[in-house]
Amino acid sequence: MLRAGGPAERARRMRAERLPGGPGEPAGGTSAESTQNHQEHPLTVELRVDPTPAGHPALGLRPWRDSDIEPLIGIYRDPLLRKWTRLHVTGAEDGARWMAVQSDGWRTGQRLSFAVLEGDRLVGNVAVKRGAVPSECAEVGYWTAAEARGRGIASRAVAALTDWAFDTLDGVTRLELLHQIDNTASCRVAEKTGYVYRRTLAARPPFPLDGHQHIREAPRPR
């Protein structure tokens, strides 16, 4: 279940907030509070990650749209992305199926996925996944386009999604991030975003190698 509302604007530069000019959003924008609930269409959920003093540009996070299929096909030409993901997009039909999975995830509340944008350019995906039976734990996953790697995009997007999930999802007090042991870049993203290594998971289909489990606990109420 999504919870309406959230804390006041965070006293840190990297924060999640509604993008100005989004669906149902006045052009002036709002604070970092989420207004998502069961009566609203999920496409009203849009997040913003501020630019950094080091010169990294702002990022926008929003649910996926059918208009993203064409750039998504291009992104999936990257062999490294295909190595780390199970659902591959090689053409329009694959793209339509991929979008249907994302849309169904929002409908059921079990997979809340966001396209990550740098300006108007698609650079990645972040998602929070829950089981059919709500529990205190959810899983965060992500990928980035080849040209977006090594520029802090993954860690900033994951941090924004993490804040939003703790603020918005009823009952979620712990998030986990999983990756195969040979995916050292994902290990660095987990560490940068406060996900602490917990244990090594034994390989099981469809994953051929052992994996790492990283955990982040919800902030304690002040």
C-alpha atoms as a PDB file:
ATOM      1  CA  MET A   1       0.000   0.000   0.000  1.00  0.00           C
ATOM      2  CA  LEU A   2       1.197   3.506  -0.812  1.00  0.00           C
ATOM      3  CA  ARG A   3       1.054   5.996   2.004  1.00  0.00           C
ATOM      4  CA  ALA A   4       0.018   9.585   1.278  1.00  0.00           C
ATOM      5  CA  GLY A   5       2.362  12.281   2.430  1.00  0.00           C
ATOM      6  CA  GLY A   6       5.939  12.235   3.704  1.00  0.00           C
ATOM      7  CA  PRO A   7       8.398  14.297   5.771  1.00  0.00           C
ATOM      8  CA  ALA A   8       9.173  17.917   5.137  1.00  0.00           C
ATOM      9  CA  GLU A   9      11.913  18.863   2.714  1.00  0.00           C
ATOM     10  CA  ARG A  10      15.123  17.028   3.575  1.00  0.00           C
ATOM     11  CA  ALA A  11      18.143  18.999   4.773  1.00  0.00           C
ATOM     12  CA  ARG A  12      20.386  17.471   2.199  1.00  0.00           C
ATOM     13  CA  ARG A  13      21.073  18.301  -1.419  1.00  0.00           C
ATOM     14  CA  MET A  14      20.158  14.926  -2.886  1.00  0.00           C
ATOM     15  CA  ARG A  15      16.431  14.600  -2.279  1.00  0.00           C
ATOM     16  CA  ALA A  16      13.322  13.406  -4.089  1.00  0.00           C
ATOM     17  CA  GLU A  17      10.575  15.846  -5.000  1.00  0.00           C
ATOM     18  CA  ARG A  18       7.782  16.202  -7.552  1.00  0.00           C
ATOM     19  CA  LEU A  19       8.948  17.546 -10.900  1.00  0.00           C
ATOM     20  CA  PRO A  20       7.393  20.916 -11.800  1.00  0.00           C
ATOM     21  CA  GLY A  21       5.008  20.771 -14.704  1.00  0.00           C
ATOM     22  CA  GLY A  22       4.188  17.076 -14.341  1.00  0.00           C
ATOM     23  CA  PRO A  23       0.664  15.664 -14.719  1.00  0.00           C
ATOM     24  CA  GLY A  24      -1.606  17.493 -12.335  1.00  0.00           C
ATOM     25  CA  GLU A  25       1.301  19.580 -11.052  1.00  0.00           C
ATOM     26  CA  PRO A  26       1.395  23.395 -11.091  1.00  0.00           C
ATOM     27  CA  ALA A  27       4.359  24.856 -12.929  1.00  0.00           C
ATOM     28  CA  GLY A  28       5.885  26.170  -9.710  1.00  0.00           C
ATOM     29  CA  GLY A  29       6.580  22.680  -8.298  1.00  0.00           C
ATOM     30  CA  THR A  30       6.102  21.454  -4.730  1.00  0.00           C
ATOM     31  CA  SER A  31       8.115  20.375  -1.714  1.00  0.00           C
ATOM     32  CA  ALA A  32       9.619  16.921  -1.236  1.00  0.00           C
ATOM     33  CA  GLU A  33       6.311  15.502  -0.016  1.00  0.00           C
ATOM     34  CA  SER A  34       4.603  12.761  -2.040  1.00  0.00           C
ATOM     35  CA  THR A  35       0.863  12.999  -2.652  1.00  0.00           C
ATOM     36  CA  GLN A  36       0.464   9.519  -4.148  1.00  0.00           C
ATOM     37  CA  ASN A  37      -2.495   7.398  -3.008  1.00  0.00           C
ATOM     38  CA  HIS A  38      -4.738   4.658  -4.375  1.00  0.00           C
ATOM     39  CA  GLN A  39      -7.134   7.126  -5.990  1.00  0.00           C
ATOM     40  CA  GLU A  40      -4.437   8.836  -8.043  1.00  0.00           C
ATOM     41  CA  HIS A  41      -3.053   7.482 -11.303  1.00  0.00           C
ATOM     42  CA  PRO A  42       0.525   6.296 -10.679  1.00  0.00           C
ATOM     43  CA  LEU A  43       1.844   8.478 -13.500  1.00  0.00           C
ATOM     44  CA  THR A  44       1.432  11.484 -11.191  1.00  0.00           C
ATOM     45  CA  VAL A  45       4.456  10.223  -9.229  1.00  0.00           C
ATOM     46  CA  GLU A  46       7.536  12.071 -10.442  1.00  0.00           C
ATOM     47  CA  LEU A  47      10.757  12.607  -8.526  1.00  0.00           C
ATOM     48  CA  ARG A  48      13.646  14.997  -8.948  1.00  0.00           C
ATOM     49  CA  VAL A  49      17.288  14.665  -7.941  1.00  0.00           C
ATOM     50  CA  ASP A  50      19.031  18.028  -7.603  1.00  0.00           C
ATOM     51  CA  PRO A  51      22.258  18.869  -9.457  1.00  0.00           C
ATOM     52  CA  THR A  52      25.391  18.548  -7.350  1.00  0.00           C
ATOM     53  CA  PRO A  53      28.108  21.106  -6.549  1.00  0.00           C
ATOM     54  CA  ALA A  54      30.509  18.853  -8.477  1.00  0.00           C
ATOM     55  CA  GLY A  55      28.585  19.593 -11.667  1.00  0.00           C
ATOM     56  CA  HIS A  56      26.393  16.527 -12.023  1.00  0.00           C
ATOM     57  CA  PRO A  57      23.124  17.617 -13.682  1.00  0.00           C
ATOM     58  CA  ALA A  58      19.646  17.168 -12.267  1.00  0.00           C
ATOM     59  CA  LEU A  59      17.866  13.863 -12.811  1.00  0.00           C
ATOM     60  CA  GLY A  60      14.169  13.162 -13.220  1.00  0.00           C
ATOM     61  CA  LEU A  61      12.477   9.916 -12.200  1.00  0.00           C
ATOM     62  CA  ARG A  62       9.010   9.041 -13.523  1.00  0.00           C
ATOM     63  CA  PRO A  63       7.013   5.908 -14.386  1.00  0.00           C
ATOM     64  CA  TRP A  64       7.702   4.424 -17.798  1.00  0.00           C
ATOM     65  CA  ARG A  65       5.739   5.480 -20.888  1.00  0.00           C
ATOM     66  CA  ASP A  66       5.155   3.844 -24.263  1.00  0.00           C
ATOM     67  CA  SER A  67       7.157   6.675 -25.838  1.00  0.00           C
ATOM     68  CA  ASP A  68      10.227   5.254 -24.055  1.00  0.00           C
ATOM     69  CA  ILE A  69      10.190   2.054 -26.133  1.00  0.00           C
ATOM     70  CA  GLU A  70      12.393   3.344 -28.958  1.00  0.00           C
ATOM     71  CA  PRO A  71      15.229   4.640 -26.747  1.00  0.00           C
ATOM     72  CA  LEU A  72      14.884   1.534 -24.568  1.00  0.00           C
ATOM     73  CA  ILE A  73      15.581  -0.682 -27.591  1.00  0.00           C
ATOM     74  CA  GLY A  74      18.762   1.296 -28.244  1.00  0.00           C
ATOM     75  CA  ILE A  75      19.900   0.998 -24.635  1.00  0.00           C
ATOM     76  CA  TYR A  76      19.430  -2.771 -24.684  1.00  0.00           C
ATOM     77  CA  ARG A  77      21.936  -3.137 -27.510  1.00  0.00           C
ATOM     78  CA  ASP A  78      24.542  -2.921 -24.750  1.00  0.00           C
ATOM     79  CA  PRO A  79      25.870  -6.460 -24.056  1.00  0.00           C
ATOM     80  CA  LEU A  80      26.719  -5.626 -20.437  1.00  0.00           C
ATOM     81  CA  LEU A  81      23.124  -4.608 -19.708  1.00  0.00           C
ATOM     82  CA  ARG A  82      21.868  -7.825 -21.277  1.00  0.00           C
ATOM     83  CA  LYS A  83      24.270  -9.756 -19.050  1.00  0.00           C
ATOM     84  CA  TRP A  84      22.816  -8.315 -15.834  1.00  0.00           C
ATOM     85  CA  THR A  85      19.108  -8.303 -16.753  1.00  0.00           C
ATOM     86  CA  ARG A  86      16.593 -11.053 -17.500  1.00  0.00           C
ATOM     87  CA  LEU A  87      14.037  -9.184 -19.637  1.00  0.00           C
ATOM     88  CA  HIS A  88      15.721  -8.160 -22.906  1.00  0.00           C
ATOM     89  CA  VAL A  89      14.279  -5.619 -25.340  1.00  0.00           C
ATOM     90  CA  THR A  90      15.352  -6.179 -28.947  1.00  0.00           C
ATOM     91  CA  GLY A  91      12.357  -4.779 -30.846  1.00  0.00           C
ATOM     92  CA  ALA A  92       8.970  -3.098 -30.603  1.00  0.00           C
ATOM     93  CA  GLU A  93       7.140  -6.234 -29.452  1.00  0.00           C
ATOM     94  CA  ASP A  94       9.671  -6.829 -26.670  1.00  0.00           C
ATOM     95  CA  GLY A  95       9.344  -3.168 -25.722  1.00  0.00           C
ATOM     96  CA  ALA A  96       5.559  -3.398 -25.496  1.00  0.00           C
ATOM     97  CA  ARG A  97       5.820  -6.488 -23.286  1.00  0.00           C
ATOM     98  CA  TRP A  98       8.416  -4.766 -21.101  1.00  0.00           C
ATOM     99  CA  MET A  99       6.161  -1.741 -20.665  1.00  0.00           C
ATOM    100  CA  ALA A 100       3.233  -4.028 -19.813  1.00  0.00           C
ATOM    101  CA  VAL A 101       5.299  -5.567 -17.003  1.00  0.00           C
ATOM    102  CA  GLN A 102       6.036  -2.107 -15.590  1.00  0.00           C
ATOM    103  CA  SER A 103       2.405  -0.986 -15.874  1.00  0.00           C
ATOM    104  CA  ASP A 104       1.161  -4.167 -14.226  1.00  0.00           C
ATOM    105  CA  GLY A 105       3.665  -3.650 -11.423  1.00  0.00           C
ATOM    106  CA  TRP A 106       2.156  -0.261 -10.629  1.00  0.00           C
ATOM    107  CA  ARG A 107      -1.358  -1.704 -10.815  1.00  0.00           C
ATOM    108  CA  THR A 108      -0.568  -4.443  -8.298  1.00  0.00           C
ATOM    109  CA  GLY A 109       1.847  -2.369  -6.214  1.00  0.00           C
ATOM    110  CA  GLN A 110       4.450  -5.132  -6.504  1.00  0.00           C
ATOM    111  CA  ARG A 111       6.892  -3.414  -8.880  1.00  0.00           C
ATOM    112  CA  LEU A 112       7.122   0.380  -8.820  1.00  0.00           C
ATOM    113  CA  SER A 113       9.576   1.273 -11.565  1.00  0.00           C
ATOM    114  CA  PHE A 114      10.856   4.646 -12.718  1.00  0.00           C
ATOM    115  CA  ALA A 115      12.605   5.728 -15.894  1.00  0.00           C
ATOM    116  CA  VAL A 116      15.657   7.842 -15.021  1.00  0.00           C
ATOM    117  CA  LEU A 117      16.089  10.909 -17.224  1.00  0.00           C
ATOM    118  CA  GLU A 118      18.956  13.348 -17.651  1.00  0.00           C
ATOM    119  CA  GLY A 119      17.138  16.231 -19.274  1.00  0.00           C
ATOM    120  CA  ASP A 120      15.033  14.507 -21.934  1.00  0.00           C
ATOM    121  CA  ARG A 121      17.471  11.605 -22.343  1.00  0.00           C
ATOM    122  CA  LEU A 122      16.699   8.165 -20.923  1.00  0.00           C
ATOM    123  CA  VAL A 123      19.682   6.990 -18.872  1.00  0.00           C
ATOM    124  CA  GLY A 124      18.414   4.257 -16.566  1.00  0.00           C
ATOM    125  CA  ASN A 125      15.788   2.449 -14.553  1.00  0.00           C
ATOM    126  CA  VAL A 126      15.171   2.104 -10.814  1.00  0.00           C
ATOM    127  CA  ALA A 127      12.479   0.003  -9.176  1.00  0.00           C
ATOM    128  CA  VAL A 128      11.257  -1.102  -5.777  1.00  0.00           C
ATOM    129  CA  LYS A 129       9.690  -4.565  -5.649  1.00  0.00           C
ATOM    130  CA  ARG A 130       7.390  -6.119  -3.039  1.00  0.00           C
ATOM    131  CA  GLY A 131       5.736  -9.498  -2.689  1.00  0.00           C
ATOM    132  CA  ALA A 132       2.028 -10.136  -3.152  1.00  0.00           C
ATOM    133  CA  VAL A 133       1.741 -10.268   0.644  1.00  0.00           C
ATOM    134  CA  PRO A 134       3.020  -6.942   2.055  1.00  0.00           C
ATOM    135  CA  SER A 135       5.924  -7.206   4.474  1.00  0.00           C
ATOM    136  CA  GLU A 136       8.425  -4.918   6.139  1.00  0.00           C
ATOM    137  CA  CYS A 137      11.045  -5.681   3.473  1.00  0.00           C
ATOM    138  CA  ALA A 138      11.186  -4.643  -0.192  1.00  0.00           C
ATOM    139  CA  GLU A 139      13.884  -4.956  -2.845  1.00  0.00           C
ATOM    140  CA  VAL A 140      15.506  -2.153  -4.823  1.00  0.00           C
ATOM    141  CA  GLY A 141      16.854  -2.809  -8.306  1.00  0.00           C
ATOM    142  CA  TYR A 142      18.326  -0.630 -11.039  1.00  0.00           C
ATOM    143  CA  TRP A 143      20.269  -0.470 -14.270  1.00  0.00           C
ATOM    144  CA  THR A 144      21.919   2.324 -16.237  1.00  0.00           C
ATOM    145  CA  ALA A 145      22.575   2.920 -19.921  1.00  0.00           C
ATOM    146  CA  ALA A 146      26.172   2.392 -21.051  1.00  0.00           C
ATOM    147  CA  GLU A 147      26.857   6.109 -21.544  1.00  0.00           C
ATOM    148  CA  ALA A 148      25.506   6.899 -18.069  1.00  0.00           C
ATOM    149  CA  ARG A 149      27.897   4.678 -16.124  1.00  0.00           C
ATOM    150  CA  GLY A 150      30.695   6.092 -14.022  1.00  0.00           C
ATOM    151  CA  ARG A 151      28.970   9.480 -13.584  1.00  0.00           C
ATOM    152  CA  GLY A 152      27.135   8.943 -10.295  1.00  0.00           C
ATOM    153  CA  ILE A 153      23.741   8.529 -11.964  1.00  0.00           C
ATOM    154  CA  ALA A 154      22.998   5.100 -10.487  1.00  0.00           C
ATOM    155  CA  SER A 155      23.835   6.064  -6.904  1.00  0.00           C
ATOM    156  CA  ARG A 156      21.872   9.326  -7.042  1.00  0.00           C
ATOM    157  CA  ALA A 157      18.805   7.649  -8.556  1.00  0.00           C
ATOM    158  CA  VAL A 158      18.929   4.766  -6.067  1.00  0.00           C
ATOM    159  CA  ALA A 159      19.251   7.239  -3.175  1.00  0.00           C
ATOM    160  CA  ALA A 160      16.183   9.167  -4.376  1.00  0.00           C
ATOM    161  CA  LEU A 161      14.153   5.975  -4.811  1.00  0.00           C
ATOM    162  CA  THR A 162      15.220   4.764  -1.359  1.00  0.00           C
ATOM    163  CA  ASP A 163      14.035   7.974   0.318  1.00  0.00           C
ATOM    164  CA  TRP A 164      10.752   7.846  -1.589  1.00  0.00           C
ATOM    165  CA  ALA A 165      10.137   4.190  -0.702  1.00  0.00           C
ATOM    166  CA  PHE A 166      10.666   4.725   3.018  1.00  0.00           C
ATOM    167  CA  ASP A 167       8.484   7.853   2.938  1.00  0.00           C
ATOM    168  CA  THR A 168       5.685   6.343   0.858  1.00  0.00           C
ATOM    169  CA  LEU A 169       5.306   2.568   1.211  1.00  0.00           C
ATOM    170  CA  ASP A 170       3.242   1.473   4.192  1.00  0.00           C
ATOM    171  CA  GLY A 171       5.021  -0.890   6.544  1.00  0.00           C
ATOM    172  CA  VAL A 172       8.371  -0.953   4.718  1.00  0.00           C
ATOM    173  CA  THR A 173      11.193  -0.594   7.235  1.00  0.00           C
ATOM    174  CA  ARG A 174      13.979  -2.400   5.372  1.00  0.00           C
ATOM    175  CA  LEU A 175      15.189  -2.358   1.776  1.00  0.00           C
ATOM    176  CA  GLU A 176      17.589  -4.826   0.202  1.00  0.00           C
ATOM    177  CA  LEU A 177      19.791  -4.538  -2.861  1.00  0.00           C
ATOM    178  CA  LEU A 178      21.017  -7.776  -4.468  1.00  0.00           C
ATOM    179  CA  HIS A 179      23.703  -8.339  -7.100  1.00  0.00           C
ATOM    180  CA  GLN A 180      25.933 -11.111  -8.410  1.00  0.00           C
ATOM    181  CA  ILE A 181      29.353 -11.244  -6.789  1.00  0.00           C
ATOM    182  CA  ASP A 182      31.118 -10.350 -10.030  1.00  0.00           C
ATOM    183  CA  ASN A 183      29.117  -7.128 -10.398  1.00  0.00           C
ATOM    184  CA  THR A 184      31.543  -4.922  -8.484  1.00  0.00           C
ATOM    185  CA  ALA A 185      29.966  -1.704  -9.781  1.00  0.00           C
ATOM    186  CA  SER A 186      26.679  -2.587  -8.065  1.00  0.00           C
ATOM    187  CA  CYS A 187      28.601  -3.259  -4.860  1.00  0.00           C
ATOM    188  CA  ARG A 188      29.981   0.294  -5.005  1.00  0.00           C
ATOM    189  CA  VAL A 189      26.511   1.750  -5.654  1.00  0.00           C
ATOM    190  CA  ALA A 190      25.164  -0.127  -2.628  1.00  0.00           C
ATOM    191  CA  GLU A 191      27.948   1.209  -0.411  1.00  0.00           C
ATOM    192  CA  LYS A 192      27.528   4.792  -1.654  1.00  0.00           C
ATOM    193  CA  THR A 193      23.803   4.763  -0.919  1.00  0.00           C
ATOM    194  CA  GLY A 194      23.993   3.339   2.594  1.00  0.00           C
ATOM    195  CA  TYR A 195      23.166  -0.298   1.842  1.00  0.00           C
ATOM    196  CA  VAL A 196      25.315  -2.391   4.173  1.00  0.00           C
ATOM    197  CA  TYR A 197      26.653  -5.779   3.057  1.00  0.00           C
ATOM    198  CA  ARG A 198      24.795  -8.466   4.993  1.00  0.00           C
ATOM    199  CA  ARG A 199      25.651 -11.862   3.513  1.00  0.00           C
ATOM    200  CA  THR A 200      26.537 -13.906   0.428  1.00  0.00           C
ATOM    201  CA  LEU A 201      23.650 -15.762  -1.201  1.00  0.00           C
ATOM    202  CA  ALA A 202      24.173 -19.123  -2.896  1.00  0.00           C
ATOM    203  CA  ALA A 203      23.620 -19.246  -6.653  1.00  0.00           C
ATOM    204  CA  ARG A 204      20.232 -20.460  -7.823  1.00  0.00           C
ATOM    205  CA  PRO A 205      18.404 -20.306 -11.167  1.00  0.00           C
ATOM    206  CA  PRO A 206      18.237 -18.084 -13.114  1.00  0.00           C
ATOM    207  CA  PHE A 207      21.391 -16.631 -11.515  1.00  0.00           C
ATOM    208  CA  PRO A 208      24.543 -18.673 -12.244  1.00  0.00           C
ATOM    209  CA  LEU A 209      26.756 -17.124  -9.548  1.00  0.00           C
ATOM    210  CA  ASP A 210      26.559 -16.365  -5.851  1.00  0.00           C
ATOM    211  CA  GLY A 211      25.207 -12.950  -4.929  1.00  0.00           C
ATOM    212  CA  HIS A 212      25.607 -10.252  -2.305  1.00  0.00           C
ATOM    213  CA  GLN A 213      22.751  -9.022  -0.150  1.00  0.00           C
ATOM    214  CA  HIS A 214      22.973  -5.402   1.014  1.00  0.00           C
ATOM    215  CA  ILE A 215      20.475  -3.993   3.523  1.00  0.00           C
ATOM    216  CA  ARG A 216      19.361  -0.492   4.431  1.00  0.00           C
ATOM    217  CA  GLU A 217      17.088   0.144   7.402  1.00  0.00           C
ATOM    218  CA  ALA A 218      14.522   2.941   7.529  1.00  0.00           C
ATOM    219  CA  PRO A 219      15.583   6.052   9.464  1.00  0.00           C
ATOM    220  CA  ARG A 220      14.409   6.086  13.061  1.00  0.00           C
ATOM    221  CA  PRO A 221      11.664   8.639  13.774  1.00  0.00           C
ATOM    222  CA  ARG A 222      12.988  11.773  15.440  1.00  0.00           C
END
